[in-house]
C-alpha atoms as a PDB file:
ATOM      1  CA  MET A   1       6.360   0.903  -3.845  1.00  0.00           C
ATOM      2  CA  ILE A   2       3.844   0.726  -0.999  1.00  0.00           C
ATOM      3  CA  THR A   3       0.474  -0.249  -2.466  1.00  0.00           C
ATOM      4  CA  SER A   4      -1.381  -1.699   0.530  1.00  0.00           C
ATOM      5  CA  ASN A   5      -3.497   0.382   2.848  1.00  0.00           C
ATOM      6  CA  HIS A   6      -2.537  -2.035   5.638  1.00  0.00           C
ATOM      7  CA  ASN A   7       1.214  -1.507   5.301  1.00  0.00           C
ATOM      8  CA  PRO A   8       2.703  -1.201   8.840  1.00  0.00           C
ATOM      9  CA  ARG A   9       4.642   1.951   7.946  1.00  0.00           C
ATOM     10  CA  LEU A  10       1.482   3.702   6.731  1.00  0.00           C
ATOM     11  CA  GLN A  11      -0.305   2.623   9.892  1.00  0.00           C
ATOM     12  CA  GLN A  12       2.554   4.161  11.882  1.00  0.00           C
ATOM     13  CA  VAL A  13       2.106   7.481  10.057  1.00  0.00           C
ATOM     14  CA  ARG A  14      -1.631   7.483  10.719  1.00  0.00           C
ATOM     15  CA  ALA A  15      -1.106   6.743  14.410  1.00  0.00           C
ATOM     16  CA  LEU A  16       1.403   9.586  14.736  1.00  0.00           C
ATOM     17  CA  LEU A  17      -0.948  12.003  12.986  1.00  0.00           C
ATOM     18  CA  ALA A  18      -3.917  11.020  15.117  1.00  0.00           C
ATOM     19  CA  ARG A  19      -2.673  10.448  18.667  1.00  0.00           C
ATOM     20  CA  ARG A  20      -0.653  12.608  21.052  1.00  0.00           C
ATOM     21  CA  GLN A  21       0.173   9.567  23.186  1.00  0.00           C
ATOM     22  CA  GLU A  22       1.697   7.838  20.169  1.00  0.00           C
ATOM     23  CA  ARG A  23       3.922  10.853  19.486  1.00  0.00           C
ATOM     24  CA  GLU A  24       4.986  11.216  23.117  1.00  0.00           C
ATOM     25  CA  GLU A  25       5.778   7.537  23.644  1.00  0.00           C
ATOM     26  CA  SER A  26       7.695   7.081  20.376  1.00  0.00           C
ATOM     27  CA  ARG A  27       9.278  10.577  20.396  1.00  0.00           C
ATOM     28  CA  LEU A  28       8.328  10.825  16.721  1.00  0.00           C
ATOM     29  CA  PHE A  29       6.112  13.220  14.744  1.00  0.00           C
ATOM     30  CA  VAL A  30       5.034  13.773  11.143  1.00  0.00           C
ATOM     31  CA  VAL A  31       6.110  16.672   8.932  1.00  0.00           C
ATOM     32  CA  GLU A  32       4.095  17.234   5.746  1.00  0.00           C
ATOM     33  CA  GLY A  33       4.895  19.177   2.594  1.00  0.00           C
ATOM     34  CA  VAL A  34       7.975  20.112   0.624  1.00  0.00           C
ATOM     35  CA  ARG A  35       8.814  23.343   2.439  1.00  0.00           C
ATOM     36  CA  LEU A  36       8.641  21.929   5.963  1.00  0.00           C
ATOM     37  CA  VAL A  37      10.517  18.731   5.099  1.00  0.00           C
ATOM     38  CA  GLU A  38      13.124  20.947   3.431  1.00  0.00           C
ATOM     39  CA  GLU A  39      13.418  22.969   6.668  1.00  0.00           C
ATOM     40  CA  ALA A  40      13.863  19.773   8.685  1.00  0.00           C
ATOM     41  CA  LEU A  41      16.660  18.589   6.402  1.00  0.00           C
ATOM     42  CA  ALA A  42      18.420  21.970   6.452  1.00  0.00           C
ATOM     43  CA  SER A  43      18.267  21.963  10.254  1.00  0.00           C
ATOM     44  CA  GLY A  44      19.791  18.487  10.468  1.00  0.00           C
ATOM     45  CA  TRP A  45      16.826  16.775  12.096  1.00  0.00           C
ATOM     46  CA  ARG A  46      16.948  12.983  12.123  1.00  0.00           C
ATOM     47  CA  THR A  47      14.278  11.110  10.205  1.00  0.00           C
ATOM     48  CA  ALA A  48      12.685   7.712  10.689  1.00  0.00           C
ATOM     49  CA  GLY A  49      11.394   7.564   7.116  1.00  0.00           C
ATOM     50  CA  ILE A  50      10.548   9.740   4.121  1.00  0.00           C
ATOM     51  CA  PHE A  51       7.365   8.948   2.167  1.00  0.00           C
ATOM     52  CA  TYR A  52       6.719  10.282  -1.324  1.00  0.00           C
ATOM     53  CA  SER A  53       4.527   9.696  -4.354  1.00  0.00           C
ATOM     54  CA  ALA A  54       5.158   9.878  -8.087  1.00  0.00           C
ATOM     55  CA  GLU A  55       3.147  13.131  -8.201  1.00  0.00           C
ATOM     56  CA  LEU A  56       5.860  14.920  -6.224  1.00  0.00           C
ATOM     57  CA  SER A  57       7.215  18.166  -7.723  1.00  0.00           C
ATOM     58  CA  PRO A  58      10.794  18.344  -9.111  1.00  0.00           C
ATOM     59  CA  ARG A  59      11.812  20.326  -6.014  1.00  0.00           C
ATOM     60  CA  GLY A  60      10.407  17.579  -3.818  1.00  0.00           C
ATOM     61  CA  GLN A  61      12.074  14.844  -5.873  1.00  0.00           C
ATOM     62  CA  ALA A  62      15.436  16.561  -5.417  1.00  0.00           C
ATOM     63  CA  LEU A  63      14.759  16.645  -1.689  1.00  0.00           C
ATOM     64  CA  VAL A  64      14.027  12.901  -1.596  1.00  0.00           C
ATOM     65  CA  ARG A  65      17.351  12.259  -3.376  1.00  0.00           C
ATOM     66  CA  GLN A  66      19.145  14.305  -0.710  1.00  0.00           C
ATOM     67  CA  PHE A  67      17.661  12.167   2.039  1.00  0.00           C
ATOM     68  CA  ALA A  68      18.592   8.988   0.168  1.00  0.00           C
ATOM     69  CA  GLU A  69      22.148  10.225  -0.306  1.00  0.00           C
ATOM     70  CA  ARG A  70      22.308  10.924   3.432  1.00  0.00           C
ATOM     71  CA  GLY A  71      21.407   7.289   4.062  1.00  0.00           C
ATOM     72  CA  ASP A  72      17.817   7.856   5.199  1.00  0.00           C
ATOM     73  CA  GLU A  73      15.010   5.475   4.318  1.00  0.00           C
ATOM     74  CA  THR A  74      12.861   6.733   1.427  1.00  0.00           C
ATOM     75  CA  LEU A  75       9.613   4.956   0.560  1.00  0.00           C
ATOM     76  CA  GLU A  76       7.485   5.508  -2.528  1.00  0.00           C
ATOM     77  CA  VAL A  77       3.750   5.356  -1.840  1.00  0.00           C
ATOM     78  CA  GLU A  78       0.947   4.915  -4.350  1.00  0.00           C
ATOM     79  CA  PRO A  79      -0.617   8.377  -4.937  1.00  0.00           C
ATOM     80  CA  ARG A  80      -4.100   7.440  -3.685  1.00  0.00           C
ATOM     81  CA  LEU A  81      -2.592   6.125  -0.450  1.00  0.00           C
ATOM     82  CA  MET A  82      -0.442   9.208  -0.019  1.00  0.00           C
ATOM     83  CA  GLN A  83      -3.571  11.342  -0.263  1.00  0.00           C
ATOM     84  CA  SER A  84      -5.193   9.233   2.461  1.00  0.00           C
ATOM     85  CA  LEU A  85      -2.260   9.979   4.788  1.00  0.00           C
ATOM     86  CA  THR A  86      -2.301  13.742   4.548  1.00  0.00           C
ATOM     87  CA  ASP A  87      -3.793  15.976   7.229  1.00  0.00           C
ATOM     88  CA  THR A  88      -4.548  18.598   4.556  1.00  0.00           C
ATOM     89  CA  SER A  89      -7.141  18.614   1.772  1.00  0.00           C
ATOM     90  CA  THR A  90      -4.549  18.080  -0.969  1.00  0.00           C
ATOM     91  CA  SER A  91      -1.318  16.162  -0.514  1.00  0.00           C
ATOM     92  CA  GLN A  92       1.945  17.611  -1.854  1.00  0.00           C
ATOM     93  CA  GLY A  93       3.188  14.036  -2.218  1.00  0.00           C
ATOM     94  CA  LEU A  94       5.800  14.222   0.541  1.00  0.00           C
ATOM     95  CA  LEU A  95       5.941  13.653   4.284  1.00  0.00           C
ATOM     96  CA  GLY A  96       8.505  12.476   6.780  1.00  0.00           C
ATOM     97  CA  ILE A  97       8.601  10.940  10.233  1.00  0.00           C
ATOM     98  CA  PHE A  98      11.088  12.852  12.377  1.00  0.00           C
ATOM     99  CA  GLN A  99      12.511  12.356  15.840  1.00  0.00           C
ATOM    100  CA  ILE A 100      11.388  14.876  18.454  1.00  0.00           C
ATOM    101  CA  GLN A 101      14.480  16.733  19.613  1.00  0.00           C
ATOM    102  CA  SER A 102      15.221  19.080  22.496  1.00  0.00           C
ATOM    103  CA  LEU A 103      17.128  21.966  20.979  1.00  0.00           C
ATOM    104  CA  PRO A 104      19.885  23.548  23.086  1.00  0.00           C
ATOM    105  CA  PHE A 105      19.701  27.097  24.376  1.00  0.00           C
ATOM    106  CA  SER A 106      22.679  29.126  25.517  1.00  0.00           C
ATOM    107  CA  PRO A 107      22.985  31.644  28.374  1.00  0.00           C
ATOM    108  CA  PRO A 108      22.651  34.462  28.951  1.00  0.00           C
ATOM    109  CA  ILE A 109      18.885  34.000  28.735  1.00  0.00           C
ATOM    110  CA  HIS A 110      16.961  37.242  28.217  1.00  0.00           C
ATOM    111  CA  PHE A 111      13.882  36.474  26.066  1.00  0.00           C
ATOM    112  CA  VAL A 112      11.525  33.624  26.999  1.00  0.00           C
ATOM    113  CA  VAL A 113       7.898  33.049  25.990  1.00  0.00           C
ATOM    114  CA  ILE A 114       5.451  30.988  28.054  1.00  0.00           C
ATOM    115  CA  ALA A 115       2.325  29.531  26.420  1.00  0.00           C
ATOM    116  CA  ASP A 116      -0.282  29.207  29.165  1.00  0.00           C
ATOM    117  CA  ALA A 117      -3.002  26.625  28.433  1.00  0.00           C
ATOM    118  CA  ILE A 118      -3.257  27.522  24.740  1.00  0.00           C
ATOM    119  CA  ARG A 119      -5.529  24.817  23.400  1.00  0.00           C
ATOM    120  CA  ASP A 120      -6.044  25.867  19.785  1.00  0.00           C
ATOM    121  CA  PRO A 121      -3.386  24.249  17.532  1.00  0.00           C
ATOM    122  CA  GLY A 122      -3.435  27.076  14.990  1.00  0.00           C
ATOM    123  CA  ASN A 123      -2.896  29.676  17.698  1.00  0.00           C
ATOM    124  CA  LEU A 124       0.021  27.800  19.233  1.00  0.00           C
ATOM    125  CA  GLY A 125       1.636  27.235  15.842  1.00  0.00           C
ATOM    126  CA  THR A 126       1.337  30.914  14.942  1.00  0.00           C
ATOM    127  CA  LEU A 127       2.709  31.925  18.358  1.00  0.00           C
ATOM    128  CA  LEU A 128       5.745  29.657  17.810  1.00  0.00           C
ATOM    129  CA  ARG A 129       6.271  31.121  14.344  1.00  0.00           C
ATOM    130  CA  SER A 130       6.160  34.675  15.717  1.00  0.00           C
ATOM    131  CA  ALA A 131       8.423  33.785  18.666  1.00  0.00           C
ATOM    132  CA  ALA A 132      11.042  32.364  16.309  1.00  0.00           C
ATOM    133  CA  ALA A 133      10.816  35.419  14.037  1.00  0.00           C
ATOM    134  CA  ALA A 134      11.166  37.796  17.008  1.00  0.00           C
ATOM    135  CA  GLY A 135      14.284  36.029  18.242  1.00  0.00           C
ATOM    136  CA  ALA A 136      12.886  34.416  21.392  1.00  0.00           C
ATOM    137  CA  GLN A 137      15.433  32.048  22.885  1.00  0.00           C
ATOM    138  CA  LEU A 138      13.027  29.531  24.360  1.00  0.00           C
ATOM    139  CA  VAL A 139       9.304  28.748  24.570  1.00  0.00           C
ATOM    140  CA  PHE A 140       7.895  26.993  27.626  1.00  0.00           C
ATOM    141  CA  LEU A 141       4.563  25.201  27.300  1.00  0.00           C
ATOM    142  CA  ALA A 142       2.706  25.338  30.605  1.00  0.00           C
ATOM    143  CA  PRO A 143       0.197  22.615  31.615  1.00  0.00           C
ATOM    144  CA  GLY A 144      -2.983  22.535  29.554  1.00  0.00           C
ATOM    145  CA  THR A 145      -1.305  23.593  26.309  1.00  0.00           C
ATOM    146  CA  VAL A 146      -1.961  21.611  23.139  1.00  0.00           C
ATOM    147  CA  ASP A 147       0.675  19.154  21.891  1.00  0.00           C
ATOM    148  CA  PRO A 148       3.284  21.223  19.995  1.00  0.00           C
ATOM    149  CA  PHE A 149       3.974  18.306  17.649  1.00  0.00           C
ATOM    150  CA  SER A 150       0.386  17.794  16.508  1.00  0.00           C
ATOM    151  CA  PRO A 151      -0.001  18.151  12.718  1.00  0.00           C
ATOM    152  CA  LYS A 152      -1.829  21.501  12.746  1.00  0.00           C
ATOM    153  CA  VAL A 153       0.647  23.081  15.172  1.00  0.00           C
ATOM    154  CA  VAL A 154       3.603  21.918  13.069  1.00  0.00           C
ATOM    155  CA  ARG A 155       1.979  23.211   9.892  1.00  0.00           C
ATOM    156  CA  SER A 156       1.047  26.589  11.419  1.00  0.00           C
ATOM    157  CA  ALA A 157       4.506  27.084  12.929  1.00  0.00           C
ATOM    158  CA  MET A 158       6.083  26.949   9.445  1.00  0.00           C
ATOM    159  CA  GLY A 159       9.421  25.487  10.532  1.00  0.00           C
ATOM    160  CA  ALA A 160       9.772  27.153  13.948  1.00  0.00           C
ATOM    161  CA  HIS A 161      10.127  23.706  15.549  1.00  0.00           C
ATOM    162  CA  PHE A 162      13.475  23.235  13.830  1.00  0.00           C
ATOM    163  CA  ARG A 163      14.985  26.510  15.080  1.00  0.00           C
ATOM    164  CA  LEU A 164      13.329  27.282  18.417  1.00  0.00           C
ATOM    165  CA  PRO A 165      13.723  25.330  21.690  1.00  0.00           C
ATOM    166  CA  ILE A 166      10.246  24.261  22.850  1.00  0.00           C
ATOM    167  CA  GLU A 167       9.899  22.684  26.303  1.00  0.00           C
ATOM    168  CA  SER A 168       6.835  21.432  28.213  1.00  0.00           C
ATOM    169  CA  ARG A 169       7.275  22.263  31.902  1.00  0.00           C
ATOM    170  CA  SER A 170       5.284  22.524  35.135  1.00  0.00           C
ATOM    171  CA  TRP A 171       4.731  25.944  36.685  1.00  0.00           C
ATOM    172  CA  ASP A 172       7.168  25.070  39.473  1.00  0.00           C
ATOM    173  CA  GLN A 173       9.863  24.291  36.900  1.00  0.00           C
ATOM    174  CA  ILE A 174       9.100  27.460  34.930  1.00  0.00           C
ATOM    175  CA  ASN A 175       9.266  29.577  38.070  1.00  0.00           C
ATOM    176  CA  GLN A 176      12.565  28.007  39.110  1.00  0.00           C
ATOM    177  CA  PHE A 177      14.045  28.680  35.660  1.00  0.00           C
ATOM    178  CA  THR A 178      13.022  32.330  35.654  1.00  0.00           C
ATOM    179  CA  VAL A 179      14.466  32.862  39.143  1.00  0.00           C
ATOM    180  CA  GLU A 180      17.751  31.189  38.201  1.00  0.00           C
ATOM    181  CA  HIS A 181      18.087  33.343  35.090  1.00  0.00           C
ATOM    182  CA  HIS A 182      16.829  36.574  36.699  1.00  0.00           C
ATOM    183  CA  LEU A 183      13.939  36.995  34.284  1.00  0.00           C
ATOM    184  CA  THR A 184      11.164  39.490  35.004  1.00  0.00           C
ATOM    185  CA  PRO A 185       7.784  37.833  34.343  1.00  0.00           C
ATOM    186  CA  PHE A 186       5.229  39.781  32.287  1.00  0.00           C
ATOM    187  CA  LEU A 187       1.655  38.632  31.751  1.00  0.00           C
ATOM    188  CA  ALA A 188      -0.401  39.571  28.700  1.00  0.00           C
ATOM    189  CA  GLU A 189      -3.755  40.905  29.919  1.00  0.00           C
ATOM    190  CA  SER A 190      -6.774  42.046  27.913  1.00  0.00           C
ATOM    191  CA  GLY A 191      -7.159  45.028  30.232  1.00  0.00           C
ATOM    192  CA  GLY A 192      -5.968  46.503  33.510  1.00  0.00           C
ATOM    193  CA  GLY A 193      -2.237  46.218  32.913  1.00  0.00           C
ATOM    194  CA  THR A 194       0.444  48.693  31.893  1.00  0.00           C
ATOM    195  CA  PRO A 195       0.110  49.638  28.207  1.00  0.00           C
ATOM    196  CA  CYS A 196       2.823  47.700  26.395  1.00  0.00           C
ATOM    197  CA  TRP A 197       4.218  50.909  24.819  1.00  0.00           C
ATOM    198  CA  GLN A 198       4.902  52.227  28.336  1.00  0.00           C
ATOM    199  CA  ALA A 199       6.204  49.034  29.977  1.00  0.00           C
ATOM    200  CA  ASN A 200       9.973  48.559  30.091  1.00  0.00           C
ATOM    201  CA  LEU A 201      10.516  45.393  28.068  1.00  0.00           C
ATOM    202  CA  THR A 202      14.263  45.841  27.546  1.00  0.00           C
ATOM    203  CA  ALA A 203      15.453  43.853  30.584  1.00  0.00           C
ATOM    204  CA  PRO A 204      15.611  40.009  30.581  1.00  0.00           C
ATOM    205  CA  LEU A 205      12.021  38.791  30.704  1.00  0.00           C
ATOM    206  CA  ALA A 206       9.550  35.942  30.393  1.00  0.00           C
ATOM    207  CA  LEU A 207       6.310  36.824  28.599  1.00  0.00           C
ATOM    208  CA  VAL A 208       3.199  34.772  29.440  1.00  0.00           C
ATOM    209  CA  ILE A 209       0.478  34.425  26.798  1.00  0.00           C
ATOM    210  CA  GLY A 210      -2.787  33.020  28.142  1.00  0.00           C
ATOM    211  CA  GLY A 211      -5.361  30.804  26.483  1.00  0.00           C
ATOM    212  CA  GLU A 212      -8.021  32.009  24.063  1.00  0.00           C
ATOM    213  CA  ALA A 213     -11.227  31.462  26.024  1.00  0.00           C
ATOM    214  CA  GLU A 214     -10.407  31.687  29.729  1.00  0.00           C
ATOM    215  CA  GLY A 215      -7.428  34.035  29.550  1.00  0.00           C
ATOM    216  CA  PRO A 216      -4.478  33.595  31.933  1.00  0.00           C
ATOM    217  CA  SER A 217      -4.709  30.676  34.326  1.00  0.00           C
ATOM    218  CA  PRO A 218      -4.610  31.184  38.122  1.00  0.00           C
ATOM    219  CA  GLU A 219      -1.072  29.775  38.071  1.00  0.00           C
ATOM    220  CA  ALA A 220      -0.012  32.350  35.479  1.00  0.00           C
ATOM    221  CA  ARG A 221      -1.438  35.178  37.584  1.00  0.00           C
ATOM    222  CA  LEU A 222       0.477  33.953  40.617  1.00  0.00           C
ATOM    223  CA  PHE A 223       3.628  33.657  38.531  1.00  0.00           C
ATOM    224  CA  SER A 224       3.555  37.220  37.218  1.00  0.00           C
ATOM    225  CA  VAL A 225       2.718  40.459  38.993  1.00  0.00           C
ATOM    226  CA  ASN A 226       3.575  42.538  35.907  1.00  0.00           C
ATOM    227  CA  PRO A 227       0.486  42.622  33.655  1.00  0.00           C
ATOM    228  CA  VAL A 228       0.830  44.354  30.279  1.00  0.00           C
ATOM    229  CA  THR A 229      -1.978  45.181  27.906  1.00  0.00           C
ATOM    230  CA  ILE A 230      -2.301  46.211  24.275  1.00  0.00           C
ATOM    231  CA  PRO A 231      -4.218  49.497  23.938  1.00  0.00           C
ATOM    232  CA  MET A 232      -7.275  48.962  21.741  1.00  0.00           C
ATOM    233  CA  PRO A 233      -8.934  52.250  20.710  1.00  0.00           C
ATOM    234  CA  GLY A 234     -11.577  50.261  18.877  1.00  0.00           C
ATOM    235  CA  LYS A 235     -12.962  49.046  22.212  1.00  0.00           C
ATOM    236  CA  SER A 236     -12.607  45.350  21.442  1.00  0.00           C
ATOM    237  CA  GLU A 237     -12.576  43.163  24.533  1.00  0.00           C
ATOM    238  CA  SER A 238      -9.598  41.065  23.503  1.00  0.00           C
ATOM    239  CA  LEU A 239      -7.450  39.810  20.661  1.00  0.00           C
ATOM    240  CA  ASN A 240      -6.762  36.326  19.365  1.00  0.00           C
ATOM    241  CA  ALA A 241      -3.966  34.832  21.518  1.00  0.00           C
ATOM    242  CA  ALA A 242      -1.546  34.486  18.604  1.00  0.00           C
ATOM    243  CA  VAL A 243      -2.232  38.038  17.373  1.00  0.00           C
ATOM    244  CA  ALA A 244      -1.712  39.476  20.861  1.00  0.00           C
ATOM    245  CA  ALA A 245       1.482  37.477  21.248  1.00  0.00           C
ATOM    246  CA  SER A 246       2.840  38.753  17.942  1.00  0.00           C
ATOM    247  CA  ILE A 247       2.176  42.388  18.840  1.00  0.00           C
ATOM    248  CA  LEU A 248       3.865  42.048  22.234  1.00  0.00           C
ATOM    249  CA  LEU A 249       6.812  40.070  20.865  1.00  0.00           C
ATOM    250  CA  PHE A 250       7.616  42.707  18.302  1.00  0.00           C
ATOM    251  CA  GLU A 251       7.115  45.503  20.827  1.00  0.00           C
ATOM    252  CA  ILE A 252       9.918  43.794  22.758  1.00  0.00           C
ATOM    253  CA  VAL A 253      12.000  43.765  19.562  1.00  0.00           C
ATOM    254  CA  ARG A 254      11.204  47.440  18.910  1.00  0.00           C
ATOM    255  CA  GLN A 255      12.170  48.556  22.394  1.00  0.00           C
ATOM    256  CA  ARG A 256      15.389  46.595  22.386  1.00  0.00           C
ATOM    257  CA  SER A 257      16.433  47.748  18.931  1.00  0.00           C
ATOM    258  CA  SER A 258      15.894  51.409  19.789  1.00  0.00           C
END
């Protein structure tokens, strides 16, 4: 059992939770909680260590046994130390270090989402969750977007990381990809675009969702000449980025299913 606050493995967890550079250089990130660790195991993601405490639920204990049977390292941590590791107010008694993977995507490509300088972790996580639920094939993260493997993004995405290809790319790379795959770029606008109910969203497309405060970046506006807007009879100026994304994503689903 790990009982020292200075244990190197605990220090590794803290560094991965706290610093984007640490995650990017090591290609590792932390997954907290029974449900998300369960999702990672079911998706076959490789782990660099599973940490648990004696306060873990029976469901969590069964999960730890599965990792051990698979040959993964499992480490028991004193409960007070486990609580000090968590990024949430109350620890579930389970977390894992997992390797960052690039998930494959298969042509033909027809449904891509582009997160444009979304800086709020909760918004990005919710966008990823909605994109996975709507059946998006790929999410590009344009420059200025928050680290998709930060703890709050991972928690808000509720397992989307394990099912949805997520790639950080420059605007030049994104543009080249959309041209190669004949995707029509659409840009979510708070006003001035075609109402989403009237836009034709059935053809292969790439949907750009801009940041919360500034809206679409200049690069996003150059990338797309097809602005779409969500009609708002209540006269609100704009919607939360993740809420707007969810509405547009499922309008795409609606149009394609009908």
